[in-house]
C-alpha atoms as a PDB file:
ATOM      1  CA  MET A   1      -6.120  31.855   0.514  1.00  0.00           C
ATOM      2  CA  SER A   2      -5.843  33.029  -3.113  1.00  0.00           C
ATOM      3  CA  LYS A   3      -6.563  30.780  -6.032  1.00  0.00           C
ATOM      4  CA  ASN A   4      -2.814  30.306  -6.930  1.00  0.00           C
ATOM      5  CA  HIS A   5      -2.026  29.278  -3.616  1.00  0.00           C
ATOM      6  CA  TRP A   6      -4.966  26.784  -3.696  1.00  0.00           C
ATOM      7  CA  ASN A   7      -4.014  25.544  -6.814  1.00  0.00           C
ATOM      8  CA  HIS A   8      -0.514  25.014  -5.481  1.00  0.00           C
ATOM      9  CA  TRP A   9      -1.536  23.306  -2.359  1.00  0.00           C
ATOM     10  CA  TRP A  10      -4.594  21.143  -3.010  1.00  0.00           C
ATOM     11  CA  PRO A  11      -2.766  18.282  -5.018  1.00  0.00           C
ATOM     12  CA  LEU A  12      -0.258  17.839  -2.049  1.00  0.00           C
ATOM     13  CA  LEU A  13      -3.315  17.773   0.301  1.00  0.00           C
ATOM     14  CA  ALA A  14      -5.057  15.347  -1.972  1.00  0.00           C
ATOM     15  CA  VAL A  15      -1.997  13.043  -1.543  1.00  0.00           C
ATOM     16  CA  LEU A  16      -1.938  13.472   2.227  1.00  0.00           C
ATOM     17  CA  GLY A  17      -5.888  12.804   2.188  1.00  0.00           C
ATOM     18  CA  SER A  18      -5.378   9.687   0.339  1.00  0.00           C
ATOM     19  CA  VAL A  19      -2.751   8.316   2.799  1.00  0.00           C
ATOM     20  CA  THR A  20      -4.899   9.022   5.687  1.00  0.00           C
ATOM     21  CA  SER A  21      -7.976   7.759   4.097  1.00  0.00           C
ATOM     22  CA  LEU A  22      -5.974   4.639   3.559  1.00  0.00           C
ATOM     23  CA  GLY A  23      -4.867   4.650   7.087  1.00  0.00           C
ATOM     24  CA  VAL A  24      -8.282   5.034   8.513  1.00  0.00           C
ATOM     25  CA  GLY A  25      -9.920   2.404   6.163  1.00  0.00           C
ATOM     26  CA  THR A  26      -7.224  -0.065   7.217  1.00  0.00           C
ATOM     27  CA  SER A  27      -7.599   0.648  10.906  1.00  0.00           C
ATOM     28  CA  LEU A  28     -11.307   0.089  10.593  1.00  0.00           C
ATOM     29  CA  ALA A  29     -10.796  -3.123   8.754  1.00  0.00           C
ATOM     30  CA  LYS A  30      -8.625  -4.651  11.468  1.00  0.00           C
ATOM     31  CA  GLN A  31     -11.550  -4.407  13.740  1.00  0.00           C
ATOM     32  CA  LEU A  32     -13.213  -7.057  11.589  1.00  0.00           C
ATOM     33  CA  PHE A  33     -10.375  -9.500  12.314  1.00  0.00           C
ATOM     34  CA  PRO A  34     -12.352 -11.042  15.328  1.00  0.00           C
ATOM     35  CA  VAL A  35     -15.126 -11.860  13.279  1.00  0.00           C
ATOM     36  CA  LEU A  36     -13.534 -12.673   9.749  1.00  0.00           C
ATOM     37  CA  GLY A  37     -10.177 -13.171  10.498  1.00  0.00           C
ATOM     38  CA  ALA A  38      -7.342 -11.321   8.486  1.00  0.00           C
ATOM     39  CA  GLN A  39      -7.832 -13.536   5.361  1.00  0.00           C
ATOM     40  CA  GLY A  40     -11.798 -12.898   5.376  1.00  0.00           C
ATOM     41  CA  THR A  41     -11.188  -9.226   6.092  1.00  0.00           C
ATOM     42  CA  SER A  42      -8.783  -8.875   3.013  1.00  0.00           C
ATOM     43  CA  ALA A  43     -11.144 -10.874   0.725  1.00  0.00           C
ATOM     44  CA  LEU A  44     -14.017  -8.348   1.780  1.00  0.00           C
ATOM     45  CA  ARG A  45     -11.767  -5.379   1.115  1.00  0.00           C
ATOM     46  CA  VAL A  46     -10.253  -6.641  -2.023  1.00  0.00           C
ATOM     47  CA  GLY A  47     -13.596  -7.838  -3.445  1.00  0.00           C
ATOM     48  CA  PHE A  48     -15.548  -4.484  -2.865  1.00  0.00           C
ATOM     49  CA  ALA A  49     -12.676  -2.577  -3.927  1.00  0.00           C
ATOM     50  CA  ALA A  50     -12.551  -4.432  -7.298  1.00  0.00           C
ATOM     51  CA  LEU A  51     -16.285  -4.021  -7.629  1.00  0.00           C
ATOM     52  CA  ILE A  52     -16.289  -0.337  -7.049  1.00  0.00           C
ATOM     53  CA  LEU A  53     -13.389   0.357  -9.308  1.00  0.00           C
ATOM     54  CA  VAL A  54     -14.847  -1.985 -12.046  1.00  0.00           C
ATOM     55  CA  CYS A  55     -18.271   0.043 -11.819  1.00  0.00           C
ATOM     56  CA  VAL A  56     -16.240   3.434 -12.003  1.00  0.00           C
ATOM     57  CA  TRP A  57     -13.841   2.565 -14.888  1.00  0.00           C
ATOM     58  CA  ARG A  58     -15.837  -0.024 -17.002  1.00  0.00           C
ATOM     59  CA  PRO A  59     -12.611  -1.682 -18.073  1.00  0.00           C
ATOM     60  CA  TRP A  60     -14.325  -3.708 -20.838  1.00  0.00           C
ATOM     61  CA  ARG A  61     -14.590  -0.455 -22.957  1.00  0.00           C
ATOM     62  CA  TRP A  62     -10.635  -1.092 -23.934  1.00  0.00           C
ATOM     63  CA  PRO A  63      -9.746  -4.135 -25.846  1.00  0.00           C
ATOM     64  CA  LEU A  64      -7.010  -6.284 -24.527  1.00  0.00           C
ATOM     65  CA  SER A  65      -4.373  -8.188 -26.547  1.00  0.00           C
ATOM     66  CA  ARG A  66      -3.721 -11.820 -25.207  1.00  0.00           C
ATOM     67  CA  GLN A  67      -0.095 -10.564 -24.056  1.00  0.00           C
ATOM     68  CA  GLN A  68      -1.849  -7.640 -22.158  1.00  0.00           C
ATOM     69  CA  ALA A  69      -4.339  -9.955 -20.460  1.00  0.00           C
ATOM     70  CA  TRP A  70      -1.475 -12.212 -19.379  1.00  0.00           C
ATOM     71  CA  SER A  71       0.643  -9.312 -17.942  1.00  0.00           C
ATOM     72  CA  LEU A  72      -2.771  -8.034 -16.178  1.00  0.00           C
ATOM     73  CA  LEU A  73      -3.205 -11.456 -14.592  1.00  0.00           C
ATOM     74  CA  ARG A  74       0.450 -11.495 -13.206  1.00  0.00           C
ATOM     75  CA  PHE A  75       0.099  -8.020 -11.999  1.00  0.00           C
ATOM     76  CA  GLY A  76      -3.157  -8.989 -10.207  1.00  0.00           C
ATOM     77  CA  LEU A  77      -1.599 -11.907  -8.564  1.00  0.00           C
ATOM     78  CA  ALA A  78       0.955  -9.795  -7.220  1.00  0.00           C
ATOM     79  CA  LEU A  79      -1.462  -7.312  -5.955  1.00  0.00           C
ATOM     80  CA  GLY A  80      -3.515 -10.109  -4.384  1.00  0.00           C
ATOM     81  CA  GLY A  81      -0.652 -11.465  -2.563  1.00  0.00           C
ATOM     82  CA  MET A  82       0.558  -8.075  -1.347  1.00  0.00           C
ATOM     83  CA  ASN A  83      -2.943  -7.278   0.214  1.00  0.00           C
ATOM     84  CA  LEU A  84      -3.305 -10.892   1.666  1.00  0.00           C
ATOM     85  CA  MET A  85       0.221 -10.974   3.225  1.00  0.00           C
ATOM     86  CA  PHE A  86      -0.075  -7.288   4.504  1.00  0.00           C
ATOM     87  CA  TYR A  87      -3.443  -8.210   6.295  1.00  0.00           C
ATOM     88  CA  MET A  88      -2.044 -11.246   7.840  1.00  0.00           C
ATOM     89  CA  ALA A  89       0.853  -9.229   9.009  1.00  0.00           C
ATOM     90  CA  LEU A  90      -1.498  -6.924  10.866  1.00  0.00           C
ATOM     91  CA  ARG A  91      -2.783  -9.832  12.891  1.00  0.00           C
ATOM     92  CA  SER A  92       0.439  -9.679  15.269  1.00  0.00           C
ATOM     93  CA  ILE A  93       2.434  -6.690  14.504  1.00  0.00           C
ATOM     94  CA  PRO A  94       1.468  -2.867  14.877  1.00  0.00           C
ATOM     95  CA  PHE A  95      -0.061  -1.156  11.577  1.00  0.00           C
ATOM     96  CA  GLY A  96       2.814   1.452  11.443  1.00  0.00           C
ATOM     97  CA  LEU A  97       5.595  -1.068  11.705  1.00  0.00           C
ATOM     98  CA  ALA A  98       3.725  -3.387   9.080  1.00  0.00           C
ATOM     99  CA  VAL A  99       3.618  -0.462   6.641  1.00  0.00           C
ATOM    100  CA  ALA A 100       7.393   0.565   7.219  1.00  0.00           C
ATOM    101  CA  ILE A 101       8.533  -2.976   6.528  1.00  0.00           C
ATOM    102  CA  GLU A 102       6.132  -3.040   3.302  1.00  0.00           C
ATOM    103  CA  PHE A 103       7.777   0.032   2.013  1.00  0.00           C
ATOM    104  CA  SER A 104      11.174  -1.638   1.613  1.00  0.00           C
ATOM    105  CA  GLY A 105       9.771  -3.431  -1.493  1.00  0.00           C
ATOM    106  CA  PRO A 106       9.039  -0.345  -3.708  1.00  0.00           C
ATOM    107  CA  LEU A 107      12.380   1.512  -2.049  1.00  0.00           C
ATOM    108  CA  ALA A 108      14.371  -1.570  -3.075  1.00  0.00           C
ATOM    109  CA  VAL A 109      13.129  -1.451  -6.712  1.00  0.00           C
ATOM    110  CA  ALA A 110      13.868   2.354  -6.830  1.00  0.00           C
ATOM    111  CA  ILE A 111      17.243   2.004  -5.453  1.00  0.00           C
ATOM    112  CA  TYR A 112      18.164  -0.956  -7.764  1.00  0.00           C
ATOM    113  CA  HIS A 113      17.122   0.939 -10.792  1.00  0.00           C
ATOM    114  CA  SER A 114      19.189   3.843 -10.151  1.00  0.00           C
ATOM    115  CA  ARG A 115      22.343   2.552  -8.620  1.00  0.00           C
ATOM    116  CA  ARG A 116      23.998   5.829  -8.009  1.00  0.00           C
ATOM    117  CA  PRO A 117      26.486   6.576  -5.294  1.00  0.00           C
ATOM    118  CA  VAL A 118      23.802   8.853  -3.615  1.00  0.00           C
ATOM    119  CA  ASP A 119      21.465   5.818  -3.307  1.00  0.00           C
ATOM    120  CA  PHE A 120      23.901   4.171  -0.971  1.00  0.00           C
ATOM    121  CA  ILE A 121      23.025   6.641   1.671  1.00  0.00           C
ATOM    122  CA  TRP A 122      19.267   5.892   1.294  1.00  0.00           C
ATOM    123  CA  LEU A 123      19.959   2.090   1.179  1.00  0.00           C
ATOM    124  CA  VAL A 124      21.965   2.321   4.643  1.00  0.00           C
ATOM    125  CA  LEU A 125      19.107   4.416   6.077  1.00  0.00           C
ATOM    126  CA  ALA A 126      16.506   1.731   5.042  1.00  0.00           C
ATOM    127  CA  VAL A 127      18.754  -1.013   6.360  1.00  0.00           C
ATOM    128  CA  ILE A 128      19.270   0.758   9.827  1.00  0.00           C
ATOM    129  CA  GLY A 129      15.396   1.199   9.833  1.00  0.00           C
ATOM    130  CA  LEU A 130      14.749  -2.381   9.038  1.00  0.00           C
ATOM    131  CA  ALA A 131      17.459  -3.662  11.401  1.00  0.00           C
ATOM    132  CA  LEU A 132      15.635  -1.711  14.276  1.00  0.00           C
ATOM    133  CA  VAL A 133      12.337  -3.510  13.515  1.00  0.00           C
ATOM    134  CA  LEU A 134      13.503  -6.883  12.419  1.00  0.00           C
ATOM    135  CA  PRO A 135      14.816  -9.403  15.080  1.00  0.00           C
ATOM    136  CA  THR A 136      18.380  -8.527  14.462  1.00  0.00           C
ATOM    137  CA  GLY A 137      19.067  -7.493  18.228  1.00  0.00           C
ATOM    138  CA  LEU A 138      19.546  -3.815  17.447  1.00  0.00           C
ATOM    139  CA  GLY A 139      16.043  -2.810  18.760  1.00  0.00           C
ATOM    140  CA  ASN A 140      15.411  -4.444  22.054  1.00  0.00           C
ATOM    141  CA  SER A 141      11.666  -4.144  21.380  1.00  0.00           C
ATOM    142  CA  THR A 142      11.836  -6.260  18.335  1.00  0.00           C
ATOM    143  CA  LEU A 143      12.028  -9.397  20.462  1.00  0.00           C
ATOM    144  CA  ALA A 144       8.268  -8.870  21.231  1.00  0.00           C
ATOM    145  CA  LEU A 145       7.167  -8.754  17.599  1.00  0.00           C
ATOM    146  CA  SER A 146       5.748 -11.847  16.030  1.00  0.00           C
ATOM    147  CA  PRO A 147       8.326 -13.582  13.448  1.00  0.00           C
ATOM    148  CA  VAL A 148       5.243 -14.848  11.528  1.00  0.00           C
ATOM    149  CA  GLY A 149       3.942 -11.282  11.400  1.00  0.00           C
ATOM    150  CA  ILE A 150       7.346  -9.894  10.272  1.00  0.00           C
ATOM    151  CA  ALA A 151       7.537 -12.558   7.700  1.00  0.00           C
ATOM    152  CA  CYS A 152       4.237 -11.801   6.331  1.00  0.00           C
ATOM    153  CA  ALA A 153       5.161  -7.962   6.019  1.00  0.00           C
ATOM    154  CA  VAL A 154       8.445  -8.963   4.223  1.00  0.00           C
ATOM    155  CA  GLY A 155       6.270 -10.882   1.869  1.00  0.00           C
ATOM    156  CA  ALA A 156       4.035  -8.010   1.426  1.00  0.00           C
ATOM    157  CA  ALA A 157       7.161  -6.040   0.629  1.00  0.00           C
ATOM    158  CA  ILE A 158       8.191  -8.455  -1.978  1.00  0.00           C
ATOM    159  CA  CYS A 159       4.852  -8.614  -3.592  1.00  0.00           C
ATOM    160  CA  TRP A 160       4.801  -4.791  -3.715  1.00  0.00           C
ATOM    161  CA  ALA A 161       8.101  -4.794  -5.552  1.00  0.00           C
ATOM    162  CA  LEU A 162       6.644  -7.371  -8.174  1.00  0.00           C
ATOM    163  CA  TYR A 163       3.618  -5.202  -8.465  1.00  0.00           C
ATOM    164  CA  ILE A 164       5.650  -2.336  -9.436  1.00  0.00           C
ATOM    165  CA  LEU A 165       7.694  -4.282 -11.793  1.00  0.00           C
ATOM    166  CA  LEU A 166       4.956  -6.014 -13.375  1.00  0.00           C
ATOM    167  CA  GLY A 167       2.964  -2.673 -13.476  1.00  0.00           C
ATOM    168  CA  GLN A 168       5.793  -1.051 -15.690  1.00  0.00           C
ATOM    169  CA  ARG A 169       4.950  -3.539 -18.348  1.00  0.00           C
ATOM    170  CA  LEU A 170       1.456  -2.150 -18.554  1.00  0.00           C
ATOM    171  CA  SER A 171       2.258   1.211 -19.692  1.00  0.00           C
ATOM    172  CA  HIS A 172       0.034   0.950 -22.902  1.00  0.00           C
ATOM    173  CA  VAL A 173      -3.037  -0.100 -20.761  1.00  0.00           C
ATOM    174  CA  PRO A 174      -5.224   2.837 -19.478  1.00  0.00           C
ATOM    175  CA  SER A 175      -4.373   3.183 -15.687  1.00  0.00           C
ATOM    176  CA  GLY A 176      -8.203   2.754 -14.579  1.00  0.00           C
ATOM    177  CA  GLN A 177      -8.391  -0.485 -16.840  1.00  0.00           C
ATOM    178  CA  ALA A 178      -5.106  -1.864 -15.225  1.00  0.00           C
ATOM    179  CA  VAL A 179      -6.169  -1.123 -11.512  1.00  0.00           C
ATOM    180  CA  SER A 180      -9.807  -2.314 -11.952  1.00  0.00           C
ATOM    181  CA  LEU A 181      -8.869  -5.596 -13.758  1.00  0.00           C
ATOM    182  CA  GLY A 182      -5.714  -5.926 -11.541  1.00  0.00           C
ATOM    183  CA  LEU A 183      -8.018  -5.929  -8.462  1.00  0.00           C
ATOM    184  CA  VAL A 184     -10.383  -8.461 -10.178  1.00  0.00           C
ATOM    185  CA  CYS A 185      -7.336 -10.715 -10.704  1.00  0.00           C
ATOM    186  CA  ALA A 186      -6.294 -10.069  -6.961  1.00  0.00           C
ATOM    187  CA  ALA A 187      -9.633 -11.235  -5.946  1.00  0.00           C
ATOM    188  CA  LEU A 188      -9.277 -14.540  -7.542  1.00  0.00           C
ATOM    189  CA  VAL A 189      -6.189 -14.987  -5.046  1.00  0.00           C
ATOM    190  CA  VAL A 190      -7.692 -13.421  -1.847  1.00  0.00           C
ATOM    191  CA  VAL A 191     -11.248 -14.546  -1.788  1.00  0.00           C
ATOM    192  CA  PRO A 192     -10.618 -18.203  -1.809  1.00  0.00           C
ATOM    193  CA  PHE A 193      -8.491 -17.743   1.387  1.00  0.00           C
ATOM    194  CA  GLY A 194     -11.336 -15.530   2.810  1.00  0.00           C
ATOM    195  CA  VAL A 195     -14.002 -17.927   2.254  1.00  0.00           C
ATOM    196  CA  ALA A 196     -11.983 -20.751   3.858  1.00  0.00           C
ATOM    197  CA  GLU A 197     -11.285 -18.668   6.804  1.00  0.00           C
ATOM    198  CA  ALA A 198     -14.651 -17.040   7.463  1.00  0.00           C
ATOM    199  CA  GLY A 199     -17.165 -19.027   5.499  1.00  0.00           C
ATOM    200  CA  THR A 200     -20.723 -17.809   5.534  1.00  0.00           C
ATOM    201  CA  LYS A 201     -19.873 -14.981   8.078  1.00  0.00           C
ATOM    202  CA  LEU A 202     -18.839 -12.856   4.800  1.00  0.00           C
ATOM    203  CA  LEU A 203     -22.500 -12.832   3.959  1.00  0.00           C
ATOM    204  CA  ALA A 204     -23.866 -11.311   6.985  1.00  0.00           C
ATOM    205  CA  PRO A 205     -25.514  -7.919   6.120  1.00  0.00           C
ATOM    206  CA  SER A 206     -23.759  -6.068   8.661  1.00  0.00           C
ATOM    207  CA  VAL A 207     -20.344  -7.296   7.526  1.00  0.00           C
ATOM    208  CA  LEU A 208     -21.012  -6.625   3.920  1.00  0.00           C
ATOM    209  CA  LEU A 209     -22.044  -3.015   4.669  1.00  0.00           C
ATOM    210  CA  PHE A 210     -18.990  -2.560   6.815  1.00  0.00           C
ATOM    211  CA  GLY A 211     -16.878  -4.291   4.293  1.00  0.00           C
ATOM    212  CA  LEU A 212     -18.144  -1.939   1.366  1.00  0.00           C
ATOM    213  CA  MET A 213     -17.475   1.183   3.685  1.00  0.00           C
ATOM    214  CA  VAL A 214     -13.646  -0.102   4.328  1.00  0.00           C
ATOM    215  CA  ALA A 215     -13.277  -0.666   0.523  1.00  0.00           C
ATOM    216  CA  ALA A 216     -14.542   2.771  -0.421  1.00  0.00           C
ATOM    217  CA  ILE A 217     -12.478   4.533   2.264  1.00  0.00           C
ATOM    218  CA  SER A 218      -9.314   2.493   1.765  1.00  0.00           C
ATOM    219  CA  SER A 219      -9.330   1.896  -1.936  1.00  0.00           C
ATOM    220  CA  ALA A 220     -11.611   3.877  -4.016  1.00  0.00           C
ATOM    221  CA  LEU A 221     -11.131   7.344  -2.315  1.00  0.00           C
ATOM    222  CA  PRO A 222      -7.460   7.320  -1.992  1.00  0.00           C
ATOM    223  CA  TYR A 223      -7.052   6.079  -5.421  1.00  0.00           C
ATOM    224  CA  THR A 224      -9.210   8.832  -6.815  1.00  0.00           C
ATOM    225  CA  LEU A 225      -7.288  11.415  -4.683  1.00  0.00           C
ATOM    226  CA  GLU A 226      -3.780  10.115  -5.915  1.00  0.00           C
ATOM    227  CA  MET A 227      -4.865  10.302  -9.689  1.00  0.00           C
ATOM    228  CA  LEU A 228      -5.995  13.824  -9.116  1.00  0.00           C
ATOM    229  CA  ALA A 229      -2.946  14.833  -7.606  1.00  0.00           C
ATOM    230  CA  LEU A 230      -0.646  12.987 -10.221  1.00  0.00           C
ATOM    231  CA  ARG A 231      -1.707  15.431 -12.730  1.00  0.00           C
ATOM    232  CA  ARG A 232      -0.505  18.469 -10.899  1.00  0.00           C
ATOM    233  CA  LEU A 233       2.348  17.306  -8.678  1.00  0.00           C
ATOM    234  CA  PRO A 234       5.968  16.711  -9.724  1.00  0.00           C
ATOM    235  CA  PRO A 235       6.840  12.949  -9.146  1.00  0.00           C
ATOM    236  CA  ALA A 236       9.386  13.815  -6.525  1.00  0.00           C
ATOM    237  CA  THR A 237       6.864  15.849  -4.455  1.00  0.00           C
ATOM    238  CA  PHE A 238       4.359  12.948  -5.039  1.00  0.00           C
ATOM    239  CA  GLY A 239       6.862  10.501  -3.801  1.00  0.00           C
ATOM    240  CA  ILE A 240       7.699  12.552  -0.582  1.00  0.00           C
ATOM    241  CA  ALA A 241       3.973  12.849   0.398  1.00  0.00           C
ATOM    242  CA  LEU A 242       3.501   9.088  -0.118  1.00  0.00           C
ATOM    243  CA  ALA A 243       6.525   8.419   2.127  1.00  0.00           C
ATOM    244  CA  THR A 244       4.462   9.825   4.875  1.00  0.00           C
ATOM    245  CA  GLU A 245       2.275   6.585   4.959  1.00  0.00           C
ATOM    246  CA  PRO A 246       4.138   4.763   7.813  1.00  0.00           C
ATOM    247  CA  ALA A 247       4.012   7.651  10.226  1.00  0.00           C
ATOM    248  CA  VAL A 248       0.388   8.229   9.232  1.00  0.00           C
ATOM    249  CA  ALA A 249      -0.322   4.564   9.956  1.00  0.00           C
ATOM    250  CA  ALA A 250       1.348   4.630  13.281  1.00  0.00           C
ATOM    251  CA  PHE A 251      -0.589   7.521  14.260  1.00  0.00           C
ATOM    252  CA  MET A 252      -3.781   5.840  13.041  1.00  0.00           C
ATOM    253  CA  GLY A 253      -2.866   2.503  14.885  1.00  0.00           C
ATOM    254  CA  MET A 254      -2.160   4.695  17.996  1.00  0.00           C
ATOM    255  CA  LEU A 255      -5.473   6.593  17.803  1.00  0.00           C
ATOM    256  CA  LEU A 256      -7.948   3.998  16.487  1.00  0.00           C
ATOM    257  CA  LEU A 257      -6.099   0.701  17.532  1.00  0.00           C
ATOM    258  CA  GLY A 258      -4.400   1.718  20.691  1.00  0.00           C
ATOM    259  CA  GLU A 259      -1.112   0.443  19.259  1.00  0.00           C
ATOM    260  CA  HIS A 260       1.544   2.368  21.108  1.00  0.00           C
ATOM    261  CA  LEU A 261       5.134   2.112  19.630  1.00  0.00           C
ATOM    262  CA  THR A 262       8.416   2.229  21.472  1.00  0.00           C
ATOM    263  CA  PRO A 263      10.882   5.215  20.636  1.00  0.00           C
ATOM    264  CA  VAL A 264      13.381   2.648  18.756  1.00  0.00           C
ATOM    265  CA  GLN A 265      10.177   1.632  16.634  1.00  0.00           C
ATOM    266  CA  TRP A 266       9.451   5.368  15.881  1.00  0.00           C
ATOM    267  CA  LEU A 267      13.227   5.682  14.895  1.00  0.00           C
ATOM    268  CA  ALA A 268      12.782   2.759  12.415  1.00  0.00           C
ATOM    269  CA  ILE A 269       9.868   4.318  10.921  1.00  0.00           C
ATOM    270  CA  ALA A 270      11.661   7.552  10.691  1.00  0.00           C
ATOM    271  CA  CYS A 271      14.735   6.038   9.075  1.00  0.00           C
ATOM    272  CA  ILE A 272      12.568   4.184   6.328  1.00  0.00           C
ATOM    273  CA  MET A 273      10.580   7.425   5.588  1.00  0.00           C
ATOM    274  CA  GLY A 274      13.834   9.120   5.136  1.00  0.00           C
ATOM    275  CA  ALA A 275      15.068   6.782   2.829  1.00  0.00           C
ATOM    276  CA  ALA A 276      11.855   6.698   0.810  1.00  0.00           C
ATOM    277  CA  MET A 277      11.829  10.547   0.674  1.00  0.00           C
ATOM    278  CA  GLY A 278      15.587  10.751  -0.185  1.00  0.00           C
ATOM    279  CA  SER A 279      15.091   8.183  -3.146  1.00  0.00           C
ATOM    280  CA  ALA A 280      12.126  10.231  -4.412  1.00  0.00           C
ATOM    281  CA  VAL A 281      14.010  13.487  -4.449  1.00  0.00           C
ATOM    282  CA  THR A 282      17.186  12.184  -6.097  1.00  0.00           C
ATOM    283  CA  ARG A 283      16.158   9.402  -8.392  1.00  0.00           C
ATOM    284  CA  PRO A 284      16.721  10.087 -12.127  1.00  0.00           C
ATOM    285  CA  GLY A 285      13.813  11.902 -13.901  1.00  0.00           C
ATOM    286  CA  ALA A 286      12.343  12.942 -10.629  1.00  0.00           C
ATOM    287  CA  LYS A 287      11.072  16.058 -12.328  1.00  0.00           C
ATOM    288  CA  SER A 288       9.481  14.365 -15.203  1.00  0.00           C
ATOM    289  CA  ALA A 289       8.843  10.690 -14.774  1.00  0.00           C
ATOM    290  CA  ALA A 290       5.656   9.596 -13.554  1.00  0.00           C
ATOM    291  CA  PRO A 291       5.616   7.473 -10.145  1.00  0.00           C
ATOM    292  CA  GLN A 292       5.092   3.728 -10.568  1.00  0.00           C
ATOM    293  CA  ALA A 293       2.854   2.727  -7.553  1.00  0.00           C
ATOM    294  CA  SER A 294      -0.189   3.606  -5.817  1.00  0.00           C
ATOM    295  CA  THR A 295      -0.345   3.016  -1.989  1.00  0.00           C
ATOM    296  CA  ALA A 296      -4.325   3.013  -2.520  1.00  0.00           C
ATOM    297  CA  VAL A 297      -4.116  -0.595  -3.756  1.00  0.00           C
ATOM    298  CA  ALA A 298      -0.962  -1.542  -2.057  1.00  0.00           C
ATOM    299  CA  GLY A 299      -2.483  -2.539   1.425  1.00  0.00           C
END
């Protein structure tokens, strides 16, 4: 492969590597559920992710105004709620379906801010996908899904939408500082729930080591890969690559967790992915505007 071809392909491979790393890390994290519960596992992942990114970015190097600090706190609270609700959803619904439902949050934000005729197509496609997953009766398999799990995934989607909207107010804050301090604030939300759920089990050396590995695979590594890719990829291409996450999550769930989806559920994932990809391609400024969300910290 020539150098030009490599320069063309490696940013895309970096995004796909980020999505895959996130899927592997989350699948590994779910294996801690019998020991720590969803809340304890989420606390371990968010806590270690915050520690890693704080050490990497050293956010204290940049001064913060009071308004920026308040914006970061709200951003972090949304981020914490998103992670907590997502892990709670994984207790009772498959990984791929939880990600697909969660994707409706950023998709809704993108469509709302555009509101052009073509976005009606992506809205309809997303609604069809969600209707096949949610207990609406369109997908017979949805009756087996836990209503609580679905509600938690919807809650994660709402928090992801808030995370994007609040993150847009941090345009003057360096991205490394915003994410690292945002995760510290997120830990303030998640860790108390984790301590209440798992207690001293969180301090077991083997659990701490496993949690550090999960945080590195599902947060530090994918976030680094995304930041490298963002410098090279057009936002539309970046958005399309990120939209593969529900399918990757479904495959990781099948390979690592033994979660096998029905054809209707695969169709639902395909509809939501299609809506996300279409929205990324046709949104205004797709050739120049920067993406507003990172999946590396979103679940």
